[in-house]
Amino acid sequence: MPAPQITTPEAANRLARAICSDLSLYNEEKIIEGIENDTFFDVLSNELDEGRHLYKTRMAPDLFESTNFFERAIVDVILKYKGHIKSKIW
């Protein structure tokens, strides 16, 4: 039985952050490489696409279309906590 669709912004934000937290936990080396070489979105393209797809499949379509919680979570959950990594992008 499929999981129920998420219909509230609070739950959508929590899911986005949880998915990005998992991406950060399981892809540390790729994240470091991507930040150091300014190729973050290229190096993690498959993982981010997979996470975005999971997020989208759990969302009510109108909520998914009207919010950017997943994209914000990439910055807030993954990139924000990697500011100590030397990079020409910051």
PDB file of N, CA and C in Angstrom:
ATOM      1  N   MET A   1       0.843  -1.170   0.000  1.00  0.00           N
ATOM      2  CA  MET A   1       0.000   0.000   0.000  1.00  0.00           C
ATOM      3  C   MET A   1       0.897   1.245   0.000  1.00  0.00           C
ATOM      4  N   PRO A   2       0.643   2.197  -0.921  1.00  0.00           N
ATOM      5  CA  PRO A   2       1.480   3.399  -0.971  1.00  0.00           C
ATOM      6  C   PRO A   2       1.263   4.294   0.249  1.00  0.00           C
ATOM      7  N   ALA A   3       2.298   5.058   0.564  1.00  0.00           N
ATOM      8  CA  ALA A   3       2.209   6.002   1.684  1.00  0.00           C
ATOM      9  C   ALA A   3       1.209   7.105   1.330  1.00  0.00           C
ATOM     10  N   PRO A   4       0.510   7.620   2.326  1.00  0.00           N
ATOM     11  CA  PRO A   4      -0.441   8.705   2.048  1.00  0.00           C
ATOM     12  C   PRO A   4       0.286   9.952   1.558  1.00  0.00           C
ATOM     13  N   GLN A   5      -0.392  10.713   0.710  1.00  0.00           N
ATOM     14  CA  GLN A   5       0.199  11.942   0.199  1.00  0.00           C
ATOM     15  C   GLN A   5       0.269  13.009   1.284  1.00  0.00           C
ATOM     16  N   ILE A   6       1.348  13.742   1.250  1.00  0.00           N
ATOM     17  CA  ILE A   6       1.547  14.839   2.184  1.00  0.00           C
ATOM     18  C   ILE A   6       0.800  16.052   1.662  1.00  0.00           C
ATOM     19  N   THR A   7       0.034  16.691   2.542  1.00  0.00           N
ATOM     20  CA  THR A   7      -0.801  17.813   2.117  1.00  0.00           C
ATOM     21  C   THR A   7      -0.552  19.103   2.893  1.00  0.00           C
ATOM     22  N   THR A   8       0.331  19.066   3.889  1.00  0.00           N
ATOM     23  CA  THR A   8       0.586  20.291   4.656  1.00  0.00           C
ATOM     24  C   THR A   8       2.018  20.784   4.413  1.00  0.00           C
ATOM     25  N   PRO A   9       2.207  22.087   4.394  1.00  0.00           N
ATOM     26  CA  PRO A   9       3.555  22.626   4.202  1.00  0.00           C
ATOM     27  C   PRO A   9       4.548  22.157   5.271  1.00  0.00           C
ATOM     28  N   GLU A  10       4.097  22.037   6.504  1.00  0.00           N
ATOM     29  CA  GLU A  10       4.993  21.602   7.585  1.00  0.00           C
ATOM     30  C   GLU A  10       5.519  20.188   7.331  1.00  0.00           C
ATOM     31  N   ALA A  11       4.646  19.291   6.949  1.00  0.00           N
ATOM     32  CA  ALA A  11       5.055  17.913   6.672  1.00  0.00           C
ATOM     33  C   ALA A  11       5.937  17.852   5.427  1.00  0.00           C
ATOM     34  N   ALA A  12       5.632  18.657   4.434  1.00  0.00           N
ATOM     35  CA  ALA A  12       6.440  18.702   3.214  1.00  0.00           C
ATOM     36  C   ALA A  12       7.855  19.167   3.528  1.00  0.00           C
ATOM     37  N   ASN A  13       7.975  20.190   4.345  1.00  0.00           N
ATOM     38  CA  ASN A  13       9.285  20.702   4.726  1.00  0.00           C
ATOM     39  C   ASN A  13      10.070  19.657   5.524  1.00  0.00           C
ATOM     40  N   ARG A  14       9.401  18.979   6.435  1.00  0.00           N
ATOM     41  CA  ARG A  14      10.072  17.921   7.219  1.00  0.00           C
ATOM     42  C   ARG A  14      10.580  16.811   6.310  1.00  0.00           C
ATOM     43  N   LEU A  15       9.772  16.395   5.350  1.00  0.00           N
ATOM     44  CA  LEU A  15      10.195  15.333   4.433  1.00  0.00           C
ATOM     45  C   LEU A  15      11.388  15.798   3.601  1.00  0.00           C
ATOM     46  N   ALA A  16      11.332  16.991   3.070  1.00  0.00           N
ATOM     47  CA  ALA A  16      12.438  17.513   2.265  1.00  0.00           C
ATOM     48  C   ALA A  16      13.727  17.526   3.074  1.00  0.00           C
ATOM     49  N   ARG A  17      13.653  17.991   4.298  1.00  0.00           N
ATOM     50  CA  ARG A  17      14.835  18.058   5.152  1.00  0.00           C
ATOM     51  C   ARG A  17      15.354  16.660   5.515  1.00  0.00           C
ATOM     52  N   ALA A  18      14.455  15.721   5.738  1.00  0.00           N
ATOM     53  CA  ALA A  18      14.864  14.351   6.058  1.00  0.00           C
ATOM     54  C   ALA A  18      15.571  13.708   4.865  1.00  0.00           C
ATOM     55  N   ILE A  19      15.041  13.897   3.684  1.00  0.00           N
ATOM     56  CA  ILE A  19      15.670  13.332   2.488  1.00  0.00           C
ATOM     57  C   ILE A  19      17.056  13.943   2.294  1.00  0.00           C
ATOM     58  N   CYS A  20      17.170  15.256   2.426  1.00  0.00           N
ATOM     59  CA  CYS A  20      18.468  15.910   2.253  1.00  0.00           C
ATOM     60  C   CYS A  20      19.449  15.526   3.357  1.00  0.00           C
ATOM     61  N   SER A  21      18.950  15.297   4.536  1.00  0.00           N
ATOM     62  CA  SER A  21      19.811  14.832   5.623  1.00  0.00           C
ATOM     63  C   SER A  21      20.405  13.464   5.282  1.00  0.00           C
ATOM     64  N   ASP A  22      19.582  12.582   4.759  1.00  0.00           N
ATOM     65  CA  ASP A  22      20.079  11.267   4.329  1.00  0.00           C
ATOM     66  C   ASP A  22      21.088  11.407   3.194  1.00  0.00           C
ATOM     67  N   LEU A  23      20.800  12.277   2.242  1.00  0.00           N
ATOM     68  CA  LEU A  23      21.744  12.496   1.144  1.00  0.00           C
ATOM     69  C   LEU A  23      23.088  12.972   1.685  1.00  0.00           C
ATOM     70  N   SER A  24      23.051  13.872   2.648  1.00  0.00           N
ATOM     71  CA  SER A  24      24.280  14.385   3.242  1.00  0.00           C
ATOM     72  C   SER A  24      25.033  13.287   3.984  1.00  0.00           C
ATOM     73  N   LEU A  25      24.321  12.494   4.719  1.00  0.00           N
ATOM     74  CA  LEU A  25      24.935  11.431   5.512  1.00  0.00           C
ATOM     75  C   LEU A  25      25.623  10.383   4.645  1.00  0.00           C
ATOM     76  N   TYR A  26      24.982   9.994   3.562  1.00  0.00           N
ATOM     77  CA  TYR A  26      25.482   8.880   2.755  1.00  0.00           C
ATOM     78  C   TYR A  26      26.343   9.289   1.568  1.00  0.00           C
ATOM     79  N   ASN A  27      26.558  10.583   1.366  1.00  0.00           N
ATOM     80  CA  ASN A  27      27.329  11.043   0.208  1.00  0.00           C
ATOM     81  C   ASN A  27      28.376  12.077   0.589  1.00  0.00           C
ATOM     82  N   GLU A  28      28.934  11.946   1.758  1.00  0.00           N
ATOM     83  CA  GLU A  28      29.884  12.934   2.285  1.00  0.00           C
ATOM     84  C   GLU A  28      31.050  13.181   1.321  1.00  0.00           C
ATOM     85  N   GLU A  29      31.657  12.140   0.789  1.00  0.00           N
ATOM     86  CA  GLU A  29      32.816  12.316  -0.088  1.00  0.00           C
ATOM     87  C   GLU A  29      32.443  13.068  -1.359  1.00  0.00           C
ATOM     88  N   LYS A  30      31.314  12.725  -1.955  1.00  0.00           N
ATOM     89  CA  LYS A  30      30.866  13.410  -3.164  1.00  0.00           C
ATOM     90  C   LYS A  30      30.553  14.874  -2.876  1.00  0.00           C
ATOM     91  N   ILE A  31      29.952  15.132  -1.738  1.00  0.00           N
ATOM     92  CA  ILE A  31      29.621  16.508  -1.367  1.00  0.00           C
ATOM     93  C   ILE A  31      30.893  17.333  -1.213  1.00  0.00           C
ATOM     94  N   ILE A  32      31.874  16.799  -0.524  1.00  0.00           N
ATOM     95  CA  ILE A  32      33.145  17.508  -0.352  1.00  0.00           C
ATOM     96  C   ILE A  32      33.790  17.768  -1.710  1.00  0.00           C
ATOM     97  N   GLU A  33      33.843  16.748  -2.545  1.00  0.00           N
ATOM     98  CA  GLU A  33      34.413  16.912  -3.886  1.00  0.00           C
ATOM     99  C   GLU A  33      33.669  17.993  -4.670  1.00  0.00           C
ATOM    100  N   GLY A  34      32.350  17.940  -4.624  1.00  0.00           N
ATOM    101  CA  GLY A  34      31.544  18.904  -5.369  1.00  0.00           C
ATOM    102  C   GLY A  34      31.724  20.331  -4.895  1.00  0.00           C
ATOM    103  N   ILE A  35      31.846  20.511  -3.603  1.00  0.00           N
ATOM    104  CA  ILE A  35      32.050  21.854  -3.059  1.00  0.00           C
ATOM    105  C   ILE A  35      33.449  22.351  -3.394  1.00  0.00           C
ATOM    106  N   GLU A  36      34.434  21.506  -3.186  1.00  0.00           N
ATOM    107  CA  GLU A  36      35.821  21.920  -3.459  1.00  0.00           C
ATOM    108  C   GLU A  36      36.033  22.291  -4.916  1.00  0.00           C
ATOM    109  N   ASN A  37      35.372  21.580  -5.815  1.00  0.00           N
ATOM    110  CA  ASN A  37      35.584  21.786  -7.253  1.00  0.00           C
ATOM    111  C   ASN A  37      34.477  22.587  -7.930  1.00  0.00           C
ATOM    112  N   ASP A  38      33.542  23.120  -7.141  1.00  0.00           N
ATOM    113  CA  ASP A  38      32.401  23.867  -7.664  1.00  0.00           C
ATOM    114  C   ASP A  38      31.610  23.032  -8.681  1.00  0.00           C
ATOM    115  N   THR A  39      31.421  21.749  -8.346  1.00  0.00           N
ATOM    116  CA  THR A  39      30.666  20.845  -9.218  1.00  0.00           C
ATOM    117  C   THR A  39      29.593  20.104  -8.412  1.00  0.00           C
ATOM    118  N   PHE A  40      29.176  20.712  -7.325  1.00  0.00           N
ATOM    119  CA  PHE A  40      28.246  20.051  -6.406  1.00  0.00           C
ATOM    120  C   PHE A  40      27.038  19.459  -7.124  1.00  0.00           C
ATOM    121  N   PHE A  41      26.352  20.267  -7.924  1.00  0.00           N
ATOM    122  CA  PHE A  41      25.121  19.793  -8.562  1.00  0.00           C
ATOM    123  C   PHE A  41      25.402  18.776  -9.664  1.00  0.00           C
ATOM    124  N   ASP A  42      26.568  18.831 -10.273  1.00  0.00           N
ATOM    125  CA  ASP A  42      26.939  17.822 -11.268  1.00  0.00           C
ATOM    126  C   ASP A  42      27.283  16.491 -10.601  1.00  0.00           C
ATOM    127  N   VAL A  43      28.126  16.557  -9.576  1.00  0.00           N
ATOM    128  CA  VAL A  43      28.582  15.346  -8.887  1.00  0.00           C
ATOM    129  C   VAL A  43      27.418  14.613  -8.211  1.00  0.00           C
ATOM    130  N   LEU A  44      26.479  15.362  -7.676  1.00  0.00           N
ATOM    131  CA  LEU A  44      25.355  14.759  -6.954  1.00  0.00           C
ATOM    132  C   LEU A  44      24.065  14.717  -7.779  1.00  0.00           C
ATOM    133  N   SER A  45      24.179  14.878  -9.063  1.00  0.00           N
ATOM    134  CA  SER A  45      23.003  14.947  -9.932  1.00  0.00           C
ATOM    135  C   SER A  45      22.071  13.753  -9.749  1.00  0.00           C
ATOM    136  N   ASN A  46      22.616  12.550  -9.799  1.00  0.00           N
ATOM    137  CA  ASN A  46      21.776  11.344  -9.663  1.00  0.00           C
ATOM    138  C   ASN A  46      21.107  11.264  -8.299  1.00  0.00           C
ATOM    139  N   GLU A  47      21.868  11.525  -7.265  1.00  0.00           N
ATOM    140  CA  GLU A  47      21.334  11.450  -5.905  1.00  0.00           C
ATOM    141  C   GLU A  47      20.264  12.513  -5.669  1.00  0.00           C
ATOM    142  N   LEU A  48      20.518  13.726  -6.141  1.00  0.00           N
ATOM    143  CA  LEU A  48      19.540  14.801  -5.977  1.00  0.00           C
ATOM    144  C   LEU A  48      18.273  14.515  -6.775  1.00  0.00           C
ATOM    145  N   ASP A  49      18.439  13.991  -7.987  1.00  0.00           N
ATOM    146  CA  ASP A  49      17.263  13.629  -8.796  1.00  0.00           C
ATOM    147  C   ASP A  49      16.444  12.535  -8.124  1.00  0.00           C
ATOM    148  N   GLU A  50      17.126  11.552  -7.571  1.00  0.00           N
ATOM    149  CA  GLU A  50      16.430  10.465  -6.867  1.00  0.00           C
ATOM    150  C   GLU A  50      15.687  10.999  -5.636  1.00  0.00           C
ATOM    151  N   GLY A  51      16.340  11.858  -4.876  1.00  0.00           N
ATOM    152  CA  GLY A  51      15.701  12.458  -3.700  1.00  0.00           C
ATOM    153  C   GLY A  51      14.513  13.324  -4.082  1.00  0.00           C
ATOM    154  N   ARG A  52      14.684  14.107  -5.145  1.00  0.00           N
ATOM    155  CA  ARG A  52      13.600  14.968  -5.619  1.00  0.00           C
ATOM    156  C   ARG A  52      12.413  14.128  -6.090  1.00  0.00           C
ATOM    157  N   HIS A  53      12.701  13.020  -6.757  1.00  0.00           N
ATOM    158  CA  HIS A  53      11.633  12.126  -7.227  1.00  0.00           C
ATOM    159  C   HIS A  53      10.880  11.517  -6.039  1.00  0.00           C
ATOM    160  N   LEU A  54      11.609  11.043  -5.045  1.00  0.00           N
ATOM    161  CA  LEU A  54      10.975  10.498  -3.842  1.00  0.00           C
ATOM    162  C   LEU A  54      10.090  11.552  -3.198  1.00  0.00           C
ATOM    163  N   TYR A  55      10.623  12.752  -3.057  1.00  0.00           N
ATOM    164  CA  TYR A  55       9.865  13.853  -2.468  1.00  0.00           C
ATOM    165  C   TYR A  55       8.587  14.109  -3.268  1.00  0.00           C
ATOM    166  N   LYS A  56       8.719  14.204  -4.574  1.00  0.00           N
ATOM    167  CA  LYS A  56       7.566  14.504  -5.430  1.00  0.00           C
ATOM    168  C   LYS A  56       6.491  13.426  -5.337  1.00  0.00           C
ATOM    169  N   THR A  57       6.905  12.166  -5.274  1.00  0.00           N
ATOM    170  CA  THR A  57       5.919  11.079  -5.232  1.00  0.00           C
ATOM    171  C   THR A  57       5.134  11.042  -3.934  1.00  0.00           C
ATOM    172  N   ARG A  58       5.662  11.650  -2.893  1.00  0.00           N
ATOM    173  CA  ARG A  58       4.978  11.675  -1.590  1.00  0.00           C
ATOM    174  C   ARG A  58       4.086  12.893  -1.411  1.00  0.00           C
ATOM    175  N   MET A  59       4.207  13.864  -2.309  1.00  0.00           N
ATOM    176  CA  MET A  59       3.506  15.139  -2.156  1.00  0.00           C
ATOM    177  C   MET A  59       2.176  15.147  -2.908  1.00  0.00           C
ATOM    178  N   ALA A  60       1.223  15.901  -2.370  1.00  0.00           N
ATOM    179  CA  ALA A  60       0.035  16.238  -3.143  1.00  0.00           C
ATOM    180  C   ALA A  60       0.522  17.135  -4.285  1.00  0.00           C
ATOM    181  N   PRO A  61       0.074  16.886  -5.523  1.00  0.00           N
ATOM    182  CA  PRO A  61       0.612  17.624  -6.680  1.00  0.00           C
ATOM    183  C   PRO A  61       0.563  19.143  -6.532  1.00  0.00           C
ATOM    184  N   ASP A  62      -0.525  19.689  -6.020  1.00  0.00           N
ATOM    185  CA  ASP A  62      -0.616  21.145  -5.902  1.00  0.00           C
ATOM    186  C   ASP A  62       0.392  21.695  -4.888  1.00  0.00           C
ATOM    187  N   LEU A  63       0.679  20.956  -3.836  1.00  0.00           N
ATOM    188  CA  LEU A  63       1.665  21.382  -2.848  1.00  0.00           C
ATOM    189  C   LEU A  63       3.066  21.325  -3.444  1.00  0.00           C
ATOM    190  N   PHE A  64       3.349  20.277  -4.195  1.00  0.00           N
ATOM    191  CA  PHE A  64       4.662  20.162  -4.827  1.00  0.00           C
ATOM    192  C   PHE A  64       4.898  21.325  -5.794  1.00  0.00           C
ATOM    193  N   GLU A  65       3.901  21.633  -6.589  1.00  0.00           N
ATOM    194  CA  GLU A  65       4.032  22.686  -7.593  1.00  0.00           C
ATOM    195  C   GLU A  65       4.138  24.085  -6.978  1.00  0.00           C
ATOM    196  N   SER A  66       3.601  24.274  -5.806  1.00  0.00           N
ATOM    197  CA  SER A  66       3.548  25.622  -5.228  1.00  0.00           C
ATOM    198  C   SER A  66       4.631  25.892  -4.181  1.00  0.00           C
ATOM    199  N   THR A  67       5.519  24.939  -3.944  1.00  0.00           N
ATOM    200  CA  THR A  67       6.565  25.142  -2.934  1.00  0.00           C
ATOM    201  C   THR A  67       7.931  24.761  -3.493  1.00  0.00           C
ATOM    202  N   ASN A  68       8.975  25.161  -2.798  1.00  0.00           N
ATOM    203  CA  ASN A  68      10.336  24.779  -3.182  1.00  0.00           C
ATOM    204  C   ASN A  68      11.089  24.220  -1.976  1.00  0.00           C
ATOM    205  N   PHE A  69      10.395  23.501  -1.124  1.00  0.00           N
ATOM    206  CA  PHE A  69      11.011  22.988   0.100  1.00  0.00           C
ATOM    207  C   PHE A  69      12.219  22.100  -0.171  1.00  0.00           C
ATOM    208  N   PHE A  70      12.154  21.274  -1.197  1.00  0.00           N
ATOM    209  CA  PHE A  70      13.282  20.377  -1.460  1.00  0.00           C
ATOM    210  C   PHE A  70      14.520  21.172  -1.864  1.00  0.00           C
ATOM    211  N   GLU A  71      14.351  22.136  -2.753  1.00  0.00           N
ATOM    212  CA  GLU A  71      15.492  22.940  -3.194  1.00  0.00           C
ATOM    213  C   GLU A  71      16.075  23.735  -2.018  1.00  0.00           C
ATOM    214  N   ARG A  72      15.224  24.266  -1.177  1.00  0.00           N
ATOM    215  CA  ARG A  72      15.701  24.993   0.015  1.00  0.00           C
ATOM    216  C   ARG A  72      16.426  24.054   0.965  1.00  0.00           C
ATOM    217  N   ALA A  73      15.955  22.835   1.102  1.00  0.00           N
ATOM    218  CA  ALA A  73      16.592  21.880   2.007  1.00  0.00           C
ATOM    219  C   ALA A  73      17.990  21.508   1.522  1.00  0.00           C
ATOM    220  N   ILE A  74      18.204  21.489   0.220  1.00  0.00           N
ATOM    221  CA  ILE A  74      19.551  21.219  -0.296  1.00  0.00           C
ATOM    222  C   ILE A  74      20.521  22.243   0.280  1.00  0.00           C
ATOM    223  N   VAL A  75      20.129  23.491   0.262  1.00  0.00           N
ATOM    224  CA  VAL A  75      20.990  24.561   0.782  1.00  0.00           C
ATOM    225  C   VAL A  75      21.050  24.518   2.306  1.00  0.00           C
ATOM    226  N   ASP A  76      19.894  24.444   2.950  1.00  0.00           N
ATOM    227  CA  ASP A  76      19.832  24.534   4.415  1.00  0.00           C
ATOM    228  C   ASP A  76      20.397  23.314   5.130  1.00  0.00           C
ATOM    229  N   VAL A  77      20.214  22.149   4.568  1.00  0.00           N
ATOM    230  CA  VAL A  77      20.611  20.918   5.265  1.00  0.00           C
ATOM    231  C   VAL A  77      21.965  20.400   4.791  1.00  0.00           C
ATOM    232  N   ILE A  78      22.264  20.543   3.518  1.00  0.00           N
ATOM    233  CA  ILE A  78      23.527  20.001   3.007  1.00  0.00           C
ATOM    234  C   ILE A  78      24.598  21.086   2.949  1.00  0.00           C
ATOM    235  N   LEU A  79      24.371  22.114   2.168  1.00  0.00           N
ATOM    236  CA  LEU A  79      25.428  23.096   1.913  1.00  0.00           C
ATOM    237  C   LEU A  79      25.762  23.973   3.111  1.00  0.00           C
ATOM    238  N   LYS A  80      24.769  24.391   3.840  1.00  0.00           N
ATOM    239  CA  LYS A  80      24.996  25.295   4.975  1.00  0.00           C
ATOM    240  C   LYS A  80      25.987  24.714   5.984  1.00  0.00           C
ATOM    241  N   TYR A  81      25.919  23.425   6.210  1.00  0.00           N
ATOM    242  CA  TYR A  81      26.772  22.795   7.220  1.00  0.00           C
ATOM    243  C   TYR A  81      28.130  22.367   6.673  1.00  0.00           C
ATOM    244  N   LYS A  82      28.374  22.679   5.411  1.00  0.00           N
ATOM    245  CA  LYS A  82      29.672  22.348   4.814  1.00  0.00           C
ATOM    246  C   LYS A  82      30.497  23.604   4.556  1.00  0.00           C
ATOM    247  N   GLY A  83      30.152  24.698   5.202  1.00  0.00           N
ATOM    248  CA  GLY A  83      30.857  25.962   5.008  1.00  0.00           C
ATOM    249  C   GLY A  83      32.322  25.926   5.393  1.00  0.00           C
ATOM    250  N   HIS A  84      32.716  24.944   6.162  1.00  0.00           N
ATOM    251  CA  HIS A  84      34.116  24.821   6.568  1.00  0.00           C
ATOM    252  C   HIS A  84      35.005  24.245   5.464  1.00  0.00           C
ATOM    253  N   ILE A  85      34.411  23.716   4.415  1.00  0.00           N
ATOM    254  CA  ILE A  85      35.171  23.125   3.316  1.00  0.00           C
ATOM    255  C   ILE A  85      35.679  24.251   2.425  1.00  0.00           C
ATOM    256  N   LYS A  86      36.976  24.231   2.144  1.00  0.00           N
ATOM    257  CA  LYS A  86      37.555  25.271   1.305  1.00  0.00           C
ATOM    258  C   LYS A  86      36.984  25.191  -0.103  1.00  0.00           C
ATOM    259  N   SER A  87      36.543  26.344  -0.584  1.00  0.00           N
ATOM    260  CA  SER A  87      35.918  26.385  -1.900  1.00  0.00           C
ATOM    261  C   SER A  87      35.996  27.782  -2.472  1.00  0.00           C
ATOM    262  N   LYS A  88      36.096  27.874  -3.772  1.00  0.00           N
ATOM    263  CA  LYS A  88      36.098  29.189  -4.405  1.00  0.00           C
ATOM    264  C   LYS A  88      34.687  29.758  -4.527  1.00  0.00           C
ATOM    265  N   ILE A  89      33.672  28.970  -4.171  1.00  0.00           N
ATOM    266  CA  ILE A  89      32.304  29.468  -4.285  1.00  0.00           C
ATOM    267  C   ILE A  89      31.873  30.250  -3.050  1.00  0.00           C
ATOM    268  N   TRP A  90      32.685  30.236  -1.979  1.00  0.00           N
ATOM    269  CA  TRP A  90      32.398  31.085  -0.824  1.00  0.00           C
ATOM    270  C   TRP A  90      33.643  31.528  -0.137  1.00  0.00           C
TER     271      TRP A  90
END
